[in-house]
Structures are given as structure tokens and as C-alpha cells.
N, C-alpha and C. Protein backbone atom coordinates (compact mmCIF):
# COMPACT_ATOMS: atom_id res chain seq x y z
N MET A 1 158.23 14.53 -94.83
CA MET A 1 157.03 14.37 -95.60
C MET A 1 156.60 12.90 -95.65
N LYS A 2 157.59 12.01 -95.86
CA LYS A 2 157.28 10.59 -95.90
C LYS A 2 156.70 10.12 -94.57
N LYS A 3 157.22 10.68 -93.45
CA LYS A 3 156.71 10.29 -92.14
C LYS A 3 155.26 10.71 -91.98
N LYS A 4 154.90 11.92 -92.49
CA LYS A 4 153.53 12.40 -92.40
C LYS A 4 152.59 11.51 -93.22
N ILE A 5 153.02 11.16 -94.42
CA ILE A 5 152.20 10.29 -95.28
C ILE A 5 152.04 8.92 -94.62
N LEU A 6 153.14 8.41 -94.12
CA LEU A 6 153.08 7.11 -93.45
C LEU A 6 152.14 7.18 -92.24
N ALA A 7 152.20 8.25 -91.47
CA ALA A 7 151.34 8.41 -90.29
C ALA A 7 149.88 8.48 -90.72
N VAL A 8 149.59 9.19 -91.80
CA VAL A 8 148.22 9.32 -92.31
C VAL A 8 147.73 7.95 -92.80
N VAL A 9 148.58 7.20 -93.51
CA VAL A 9 148.21 5.89 -94.02
C VAL A 9 147.93 4.93 -92.85
N VAL A 10 148.80 4.95 -91.85
CA VAL A 10 148.61 4.07 -90.68
C VAL A 10 147.34 4.47 -89.93
N ALA A 11 147.12 5.75 -89.74
CA ALA A 11 145.92 6.23 -89.05
C ALA A 11 144.67 5.85 -89.84
N SER A 12 144.73 6.00 -91.16
CA SER A 12 143.60 5.64 -92.02
C SER A 12 143.32 4.15 -91.93
N ALA A 13 144.36 3.36 -91.97
CA ALA A 13 144.20 1.91 -91.90
C ALA A 13 143.59 1.52 -90.55
N ALA A 14 144.07 2.14 -89.48
CA ALA A 14 143.53 1.84 -88.16
C ALA A 14 142.07 2.25 -88.08
N PHE A 15 141.78 3.43 -88.63
CA PHE A 15 140.41 3.94 -88.63
C PHE A 15 139.50 3.01 -89.43
N MET A 16 139.95 2.59 -90.59
CA MET A 16 139.16 1.68 -91.44
C MET A 16 139.01 0.32 -90.76
N GLY A 17 140.05 -0.14 -90.11
CA GLY A 17 140.01 -1.43 -89.41
C GLY A 17 139.00 -1.41 -88.27
N LEU A 18 138.87 -0.27 -87.61
CA LEU A 18 137.92 -0.14 -86.53
C LEU A 18 136.50 -0.35 -87.05
N PHE A 19 136.17 0.29 -88.16
CA PHE A 19 134.82 0.14 -88.73
C PHE A 19 134.62 -1.21 -89.39
N ALA A 20 135.70 -1.74 -89.96
CA ALA A 20 135.59 -3.05 -90.61
C ALA A 20 135.32 -4.14 -89.58
N SER A 21 135.87 -3.98 -88.37
CA SER A 21 135.68 -5.02 -87.35
C SER A 21 134.32 -4.90 -86.67
N GLN A 22 133.65 -3.77 -86.83
CA GLN A 22 132.36 -3.57 -86.19
C GLN A 22 131.34 -4.64 -86.59
N PRO A 23 131.13 -4.96 -87.88
CA PRO A 23 130.17 -6.00 -88.23
C PRO A 23 130.57 -7.37 -87.66
N VAL A 24 131.86 -7.65 -87.61
CA VAL A 24 132.32 -8.93 -87.07
C VAL A 24 131.95 -9.00 -85.59
N GLN A 25 132.17 -7.91 -84.85
CA GLN A 25 131.80 -7.89 -83.44
C GLN A 25 130.29 -8.10 -83.30
N LYS A 26 129.50 -7.47 -84.15
CA LYS A 26 128.05 -7.63 -84.10
C LYS A 26 127.66 -9.08 -84.38
N GLN A 27 128.38 -9.72 -85.29
CA GLN A 27 128.11 -11.13 -85.58
C GLN A 27 128.36 -11.99 -84.35
N TYR A 28 129.46 -11.73 -83.63
CA TYR A 28 129.76 -12.50 -82.43
C TYR A 28 128.68 -12.28 -81.37
N VAL A 29 128.26 -11.03 -81.21
CA VAL A 29 127.22 -10.72 -80.23
C VAL A 29 125.92 -11.42 -80.63
N GLN A 30 125.56 -11.34 -81.91
CA GLN A 30 124.33 -11.98 -82.39
C GLN A 30 124.41 -13.50 -82.23
N ALA A 31 125.55 -14.09 -82.52
CA ALA A 31 125.72 -15.53 -82.36
C ALA A 31 125.55 -15.93 -80.89
N ALA A 32 126.09 -15.13 -79.99
CA ALA A 32 125.94 -15.41 -78.56
C ALA A 32 124.47 -15.31 -78.15
N LYS A 33 123.77 -14.29 -78.66
CA LYS A 33 122.34 -14.15 -78.36
C LYS A 33 121.55 -15.34 -78.90
N ASN A 34 121.87 -15.77 -80.13
CA ASN A 34 121.17 -16.91 -80.72
C ASN A 34 121.40 -18.18 -79.90
N THR A 35 122.61 -18.37 -79.40
CA THR A 35 122.92 -19.53 -78.58
C THR A 35 122.11 -19.49 -77.29
N LYS A 36 122.03 -18.31 -76.65
CA LYS A 36 121.24 -18.18 -75.42
C LYS A 36 119.77 -18.44 -75.71
N THR A 37 119.25 -17.91 -76.82
CA THR A 37 117.86 -18.11 -77.19
C THR A 37 117.59 -19.59 -77.44
N ALA A 38 118.50 -20.25 -78.13
CA ALA A 38 118.34 -21.69 -78.41
C ALA A 38 118.35 -22.48 -77.11
N LYS A 39 119.23 -22.12 -76.19
CA LYS A 39 119.28 -22.82 -74.90
C LYS A 39 118.00 -22.60 -74.12
N LYS A 40 117.46 -21.36 -74.15
CA LYS A 40 116.22 -21.08 -73.45
C LYS A 40 115.08 -21.88 -74.07
N ALA A 41 115.03 -21.93 -75.40
CA ALA A 41 113.98 -22.68 -76.08
C ALA A 41 114.08 -24.16 -75.73
N LYS A 42 115.30 -24.67 -75.68
CA LYS A 42 115.50 -26.07 -75.35
C LYS A 42 115.11 -26.33 -73.89
N ALA A 43 115.41 -25.36 -73.02
CA ALA A 43 115.06 -25.51 -71.61
C ALA A 43 113.55 -25.53 -71.42
N LYS A 44 112.81 -24.89 -72.31
CA LYS A 44 111.36 -24.86 -72.21
C LYS A 44 110.73 -26.15 -72.72
N GLN A 45 111.52 -27.00 -73.38
CA GLN A 45 111.03 -28.29 -73.85
C GLN A 45 111.17 -29.31 -72.73
N ILE A 46 110.12 -30.10 -72.53
CA ILE A 46 110.18 -31.16 -71.53
C ILE A 46 109.78 -32.48 -72.17
N SER A 47 110.20 -33.56 -71.57
CA SER A 47 109.87 -34.89 -72.04
C SER A 47 108.73 -35.43 -71.17
N VAL A 48 107.70 -35.99 -71.83
CA VAL A 48 106.54 -36.51 -71.12
C VAL A 48 106.19 -37.88 -71.70
N THR A 49 105.96 -38.86 -70.83
CA THR A 49 105.57 -40.20 -71.26
C THR A 49 104.10 -40.43 -70.94
N TYR A 50 103.36 -40.85 -71.96
CA TYR A 50 101.93 -41.16 -71.82
C TYR A 50 101.74 -42.66 -71.89
N THR A 51 100.91 -43.18 -71.00
CA THR A 51 100.59 -44.60 -70.96
C THR A 51 99.07 -44.76 -70.91
N LEU A 52 98.56 -45.71 -71.69
CA LEU A 52 97.14 -46.06 -71.63
C LEU A 52 97.03 -47.41 -70.95
N LYS A 53 96.15 -47.50 -69.94
CA LYS A 53 95.94 -48.77 -69.22
C LYS A 53 94.46 -49.09 -69.21
N ASP A 54 94.16 -50.38 -69.19
CA ASP A 54 92.79 -50.87 -69.14
C ASP A 54 92.64 -51.77 -67.92
N THR A 55 91.84 -51.34 -66.93
CA THR A 55 91.64 -52.15 -65.73
C THR A 55 90.34 -52.94 -65.80
N THR A 56 89.66 -52.90 -66.95
CA THR A 56 88.38 -53.60 -67.07
C THR A 56 88.55 -55.04 -67.50
N LYS A 57 89.72 -55.42 -67.93
CA LYS A 57 89.99 -56.79 -68.38
C LYS A 57 90.36 -57.67 -67.20
N ALA A 58 90.40 -58.96 -67.44
CA ALA A 58 90.75 -59.93 -66.38
C ALA A 58 92.15 -59.63 -65.83
N LYS A 59 93.07 -59.28 -66.73
CA LYS A 59 94.42 -58.93 -66.28
C LYS A 59 94.40 -57.45 -65.87
N ASN A 60 94.40 -57.24 -64.59
CA ASN A 60 94.30 -55.88 -64.07
C ASN A 60 95.48 -55.02 -64.55
N LYS A 61 95.17 -53.78 -64.86
CA LYS A 61 96.16 -52.79 -65.28
C LYS A 61 96.94 -53.19 -66.52
N GLN A 62 96.26 -53.71 -67.49
CA GLN A 62 96.89 -54.08 -68.75
C GLN A 62 97.31 -52.81 -69.50
N THR A 63 98.58 -52.72 -69.86
CA THR A 63 99.08 -51.57 -70.61
C THR A 63 98.70 -51.75 -72.08
N LEU A 64 98.00 -50.77 -72.61
CA LEU A 64 97.56 -50.80 -74.00
C LEU A 64 98.55 -50.12 -74.95
N ALA A 65 99.14 -49.03 -74.49
CA ALA A 65 100.05 -48.26 -75.34
C ALA A 65 100.90 -47.34 -74.47
N LYS A 66 102.04 -46.95 -75.05
CA LYS A 66 102.95 -46.04 -74.33
C LYS A 66 103.70 -45.21 -75.37
N LYS A 67 103.76 -43.90 -75.16
CA LYS A 67 104.47 -43.01 -76.08
C LYS A 67 105.14 -41.89 -75.27
N THR A 68 106.31 -41.44 -75.77
CA THR A 68 107.02 -40.34 -75.14
C THR A 68 107.09 -39.18 -76.13
N PHE A 69 106.92 -37.97 -75.60
CA PHE A 69 106.89 -36.77 -76.42
C PHE A 69 107.80 -35.70 -75.83
N LYS A 70 108.32 -34.84 -76.70
CA LYS A 70 108.99 -33.61 -76.30
C LYS A 70 107.98 -32.51 -76.56
N VAL A 71 107.62 -31.77 -75.51
CA VAL A 71 106.61 -30.73 -75.64
C VAL A 71 107.08 -29.46 -74.96
N LYS A 72 106.43 -28.38 -75.31
CA LYS A 72 106.73 -27.10 -74.70
C LYS A 72 106.19 -27.11 -73.26
N LYS A 73 107.00 -26.65 -72.34
CA LYS A 73 106.59 -26.56 -70.95
C LYS A 73 105.32 -25.73 -70.86
N GLY A 74 104.32 -26.24 -70.13
CA GLY A 74 103.05 -25.52 -70.00
C GLY A 74 101.97 -26.02 -70.94
N THR A 75 102.30 -26.99 -71.80
CA THR A 75 101.31 -27.58 -72.71
C THR A 75 100.32 -28.38 -71.88
N SER A 76 99.05 -28.41 -72.32
CA SER A 76 98.05 -29.14 -71.56
C SER A 76 98.15 -30.65 -71.80
N VAL A 77 97.73 -31.41 -70.83
CA VAL A 77 97.70 -32.87 -70.94
C VAL A 77 96.86 -33.28 -72.14
N PHE A 78 95.76 -32.59 -72.36
CA PHE A 78 94.83 -32.91 -73.44
C PHE A 78 95.45 -32.68 -74.82
N THR A 79 96.19 -31.61 -74.98
CA THR A 79 96.84 -31.30 -76.26
C THR A 79 97.75 -32.44 -76.71
N VAL A 80 98.54 -32.95 -75.79
CA VAL A 80 99.46 -34.04 -76.12
C VAL A 80 98.68 -35.33 -76.38
N LEU A 81 97.65 -35.58 -75.58
CA LEU A 81 96.82 -36.78 -75.76
C LEU A 81 96.24 -36.83 -77.17
N LYS A 82 95.76 -35.69 -77.66
CA LYS A 82 95.17 -35.64 -79.01
C LYS A 82 96.22 -35.90 -80.09
N LYS A 83 97.47 -35.53 -79.83
CA LYS A 83 98.55 -35.82 -80.79
C LYS A 83 98.85 -37.31 -80.83
N ALA A 84 98.68 -37.96 -79.68
CA ALA A 84 99.08 -39.36 -79.56
C ALA A 84 98.05 -40.32 -80.15
N TRP A 85 96.77 -40.13 -79.83
CA TRP A 85 95.73 -41.08 -80.23
C TRP A 85 94.45 -40.35 -80.60
N LYS A 86 93.56 -41.07 -81.25
CA LYS A 86 92.23 -40.52 -81.57
C LYS A 86 91.45 -40.43 -80.26
N VAL A 87 90.90 -39.25 -80.01
CA VAL A 87 90.21 -38.99 -78.75
C VAL A 87 88.81 -38.46 -79.03
N ASN A 88 87.81 -39.05 -78.37
CA ASN A 88 86.45 -38.53 -78.40
C ASN A 88 86.21 -37.85 -77.06
N TYR A 89 85.52 -36.73 -77.08
CA TYR A 89 85.30 -35.98 -75.85
C TYR A 89 84.12 -35.03 -75.99
N THR A 90 83.63 -34.58 -74.85
CA THR A 90 82.65 -33.50 -74.82
C THR A 90 83.31 -32.36 -74.05
N LYS A 91 82.83 -31.15 -74.31
CA LYS A 91 83.46 -30.00 -73.66
C LYS A 91 82.41 -29.16 -72.94
N SER A 92 82.75 -28.79 -71.73
CA SER A 92 81.91 -27.92 -70.92
C SER A 92 82.67 -26.62 -70.71
N SER A 93 81.99 -25.51 -70.89
CA SER A 93 82.66 -24.22 -70.71
C SER A 93 83.07 -24.01 -69.25
N LYS A 94 82.35 -24.65 -68.35
CA LYS A 94 82.64 -24.50 -66.92
C LYS A 94 83.74 -25.46 -66.45
N TYR A 95 83.68 -26.73 -66.87
CA TYR A 95 84.58 -27.75 -66.33
C TYR A 95 85.71 -28.16 -67.26
N GLY A 96 85.58 -27.95 -68.55
CA GLY A 96 86.60 -28.37 -69.51
C GLY A 96 86.19 -29.63 -70.24
N VAL A 97 87.15 -30.38 -70.73
CA VAL A 97 86.84 -31.57 -71.55
C VAL A 97 86.56 -32.78 -70.67
N PHE A 98 85.66 -33.62 -71.17
CA PHE A 98 85.37 -34.91 -70.56
C PHE A 98 85.68 -35.95 -71.63
N ILE A 99 86.69 -36.74 -71.40
CA ILE A 99 87.14 -37.72 -72.39
C ILE A 99 86.23 -38.93 -72.35
N THR A 100 85.61 -39.24 -73.49
CA THR A 100 84.69 -40.37 -73.55
C THR A 100 85.35 -41.61 -74.15
N LYS A 101 86.27 -41.41 -75.09
CA LYS A 101 86.97 -42.54 -75.71
C LYS A 101 88.40 -42.15 -76.09
N ILE A 102 89.29 -43.13 -75.95
CA ILE A 102 90.65 -43.01 -76.47
C ILE A 102 90.90 -44.28 -77.27
N LYS A 103 91.35 -44.11 -78.49
CA LYS A 103 91.57 -45.26 -79.39
C LYS A 103 90.31 -46.12 -79.53
N GLY A 104 89.15 -45.48 -79.45
CA GLY A 104 87.88 -46.20 -79.61
C GLY A 104 87.42 -46.92 -78.36
N LEU A 105 88.17 -46.83 -77.27
CA LEU A 105 87.81 -47.51 -76.03
C LEU A 105 87.14 -46.56 -75.05
N GLY A 106 86.05 -47.02 -74.47
CA GLY A 106 85.27 -46.24 -73.52
C GLY A 106 83.81 -46.40 -73.90
N ASP A 107 82.91 -46.47 -72.91
CA ASP A 107 81.50 -46.68 -73.21
C ASP A 107 80.67 -46.18 -72.03
N GLU A 108 79.98 -45.08 -72.25
CA GLU A 108 79.18 -44.50 -71.17
C GLU A 108 78.04 -45.44 -70.75
N LYS A 109 77.46 -46.17 -71.69
CA LYS A 109 76.36 -47.10 -71.37
C LYS A 109 76.83 -48.21 -70.43
N LYS A 110 78.07 -48.66 -70.63
CA LYS A 110 78.63 -49.71 -69.78
C LYS A 110 79.40 -49.13 -68.58
N LYS A 111 79.33 -47.81 -68.44
CA LYS A 111 80.00 -47.08 -67.36
C LYS A 111 81.52 -47.29 -67.38
N LEU A 112 82.09 -47.28 -68.59
CA LEU A 112 83.54 -47.36 -68.77
C LEU A 112 84.06 -45.94 -69.02
N TYR A 113 84.87 -45.45 -68.11
CA TYR A 113 85.35 -44.07 -68.19
C TYR A 113 86.87 -44.01 -68.05
N TRP A 114 87.43 -42.93 -68.63
CA TRP A 114 88.87 -42.68 -68.54
C TRP A 114 89.16 -41.72 -67.39
N THR A 115 90.15 -42.06 -66.59
CA THR A 115 90.68 -41.15 -65.58
C THR A 115 92.17 -40.99 -65.88
N TYR A 116 92.79 -40.00 -65.28
CA TYR A 116 94.23 -39.86 -65.52
C TYR A 116 94.96 -39.38 -64.28
N THR A 117 96.25 -39.72 -64.26
CA THR A 117 97.16 -39.25 -63.21
C THR A 117 98.36 -38.59 -63.87
N VAL A 118 98.97 -37.68 -63.16
CA VAL A 118 100.23 -37.07 -63.59
C VAL A 118 101.22 -37.32 -62.46
N ASP A 119 102.27 -38.05 -62.79
CA ASP A 119 103.30 -38.42 -61.81
C ASP A 119 102.68 -39.09 -60.59
N GLY A 120 101.71 -39.98 -60.84
CA GLY A 120 101.12 -40.78 -59.77
C GLY A 120 100.02 -40.08 -58.98
N LYS A 121 99.74 -38.83 -59.28
CA LYS A 121 98.72 -38.08 -58.54
C LYS A 121 97.46 -37.95 -59.40
N MET A 122 96.32 -38.31 -58.80
CA MET A 122 95.05 -38.20 -59.50
C MET A 122 94.79 -36.75 -59.87
N ALA A 123 94.35 -36.54 -61.10
CA ALA A 123 94.07 -35.19 -61.58
C ALA A 123 92.87 -34.59 -60.85
N GLU A 124 92.95 -33.30 -60.59
CA GLU A 124 91.84 -32.60 -59.94
C GLU A 124 91.11 -31.67 -60.89
N VAL A 125 91.61 -31.58 -62.13
CA VAL A 125 90.99 -30.74 -63.15
C VAL A 125 90.91 -31.52 -64.45
N ALA A 126 90.13 -31.00 -65.38
CA ALA A 126 90.01 -31.63 -66.69
C ALA A 126 91.35 -31.60 -67.41
N ALA A 127 91.54 -32.52 -68.33
CA ALA A 127 92.83 -32.67 -69.03
C ALA A 127 93.24 -31.42 -69.80
N ASP A 128 92.28 -30.64 -70.29
CA ASP A 128 92.64 -29.42 -71.01
C ASP A 128 93.05 -28.29 -70.06
N LYS A 129 92.80 -28.45 -68.79
CA LYS A 129 93.17 -27.44 -67.79
C LYS A 129 94.48 -27.79 -67.08
N GLN A 130 94.89 -29.05 -67.14
CA GLN A 130 96.11 -29.52 -66.48
C GLN A 130 97.32 -29.23 -67.36
N LYS A 131 98.26 -28.46 -66.84
CA LYS A 131 99.47 -28.09 -67.58
C LYS A 131 100.63 -29.00 -67.20
N LEU A 132 101.45 -29.30 -68.19
CA LEU A 132 102.66 -30.11 -67.97
C LEU A 132 103.83 -29.17 -67.70
N THR A 133 104.43 -29.29 -66.54
CA THR A 133 105.50 -28.35 -66.16
C THR A 133 106.80 -29.03 -65.78
N LYS A 134 106.75 -30.32 -65.51
CA LYS A 134 107.93 -31.03 -65.00
C LYS A 134 108.51 -31.95 -66.08
N ASN A 135 109.82 -31.90 -66.25
CA ASN A 135 110.48 -32.78 -67.19
C ASN A 135 110.36 -34.23 -66.71
N LYS A 136 110.23 -35.14 -67.66
CA LYS A 136 110.11 -36.58 -67.42
C LYS A 136 108.84 -36.95 -66.64
N SER A 137 107.80 -36.14 -66.82
CA SER A 137 106.51 -36.46 -66.20
C SER A 137 105.94 -37.72 -66.82
N LYS A 138 105.13 -38.41 -66.04
CA LYS A 138 104.45 -39.62 -66.50
C LYS A 138 102.95 -39.39 -66.37
N VAL A 139 102.27 -39.43 -67.51
CA VAL A 139 100.82 -39.26 -67.56
C VAL A 139 100.23 -40.63 -67.88
N VAL A 140 99.33 -41.09 -67.02
CA VAL A 140 98.72 -42.41 -67.21
C VAL A 140 97.21 -42.22 -67.31
N PHE A 141 96.64 -42.62 -68.44
CA PHE A 141 95.19 -42.66 -68.62
C PHE A 141 94.75 -44.08 -68.38
N THR A 142 93.74 -44.25 -67.51
CA THR A 142 93.28 -45.57 -67.14
C THR A 142 91.79 -45.70 -67.43
N LEU A 143 91.43 -46.76 -68.15
CA LEU A 143 90.03 -47.06 -68.42
C LEU A 143 89.50 -47.87 -67.25
N LYS A 144 88.45 -47.36 -66.59
CA LYS A 144 87.88 -48.02 -65.41
C LYS A 144 86.38 -48.16 -65.58
N GLN A 145 85.83 -49.14 -64.89
CA GLN A 145 84.38 -49.31 -64.87
C GLN A 145 83.87 -48.79 -63.53
N TYR A 146 82.85 -47.93 -63.58
CA TYR A 146 82.29 -47.36 -62.36
C TYR A 146 80.86 -47.79 -62.18
């Protein structure tokens, strides 16, 4: 009789232990999922450096300002620019934004305009259409007279 009771107690304990460990296993699985999600989110973040240059002064290519940002991969050049400095612009539904001033600099009457490059390549689209996809990209806005 004692052996039967002992067997029932051991079986009950094992049975209870199986269900008791279930939430712990779920916690480990959830923690692993959270770690993977955090790594994916971090992988989607990229570092981008913005530089403002003025070529209209006597000292050619004078650097006015420089800032580095961590942004979500796929963010537009224009979105980050607006975070960095005060920007004046006009918007065309067909072509996108046309930047008229950054930090108060730029003058259409004097034909002073902003252009930009991403990683040394002249942009072919408006800043709101250009997406940032590469880590450690360098975006340079240059004030030029045309």
C-alpha cells in the first residue's frame, strides 16, 4: 500500500512539475523572440552623417555644420534634414520638395540654391524621395550659386 501511495505521489509531483515548468519554458521562448526582435530593430537602424557646405564664400567648400544621426533604414533624406536644421522648402506633387533655405541660408533672387549628394553621388530625385539605406552614409548639402 505504501508503494502505491508513493508511486501516486511521485507521479502527481512529476505531473505537476510538467505543468509548472510550462510557463518557464514559455518565458524562455518569449525572451528569445524578444532578443531576435530587438536585434532586427537594431539592424534596421543606420548611422547617417549630414554636412552643410557653402561654396559661395571666398573659401571654397566651407563646412557650416555637421551632425550624425541614427535613423530607421529607408528614412528619407528630407526627414532627417528637417530634424537637424530649420528648412524652408516648396513642394510639388510631381517632383517632390525643393529646398530653398537651410539654417536661413539660400536666396532665389541671388540664385543661391542647395544641392545634395549621398555618399559622393549627386542626387537624381528630390530629398523627400531619396531613401537612406546604407549604414554610415554621408549626406552633403551644398549651397551653390547658379
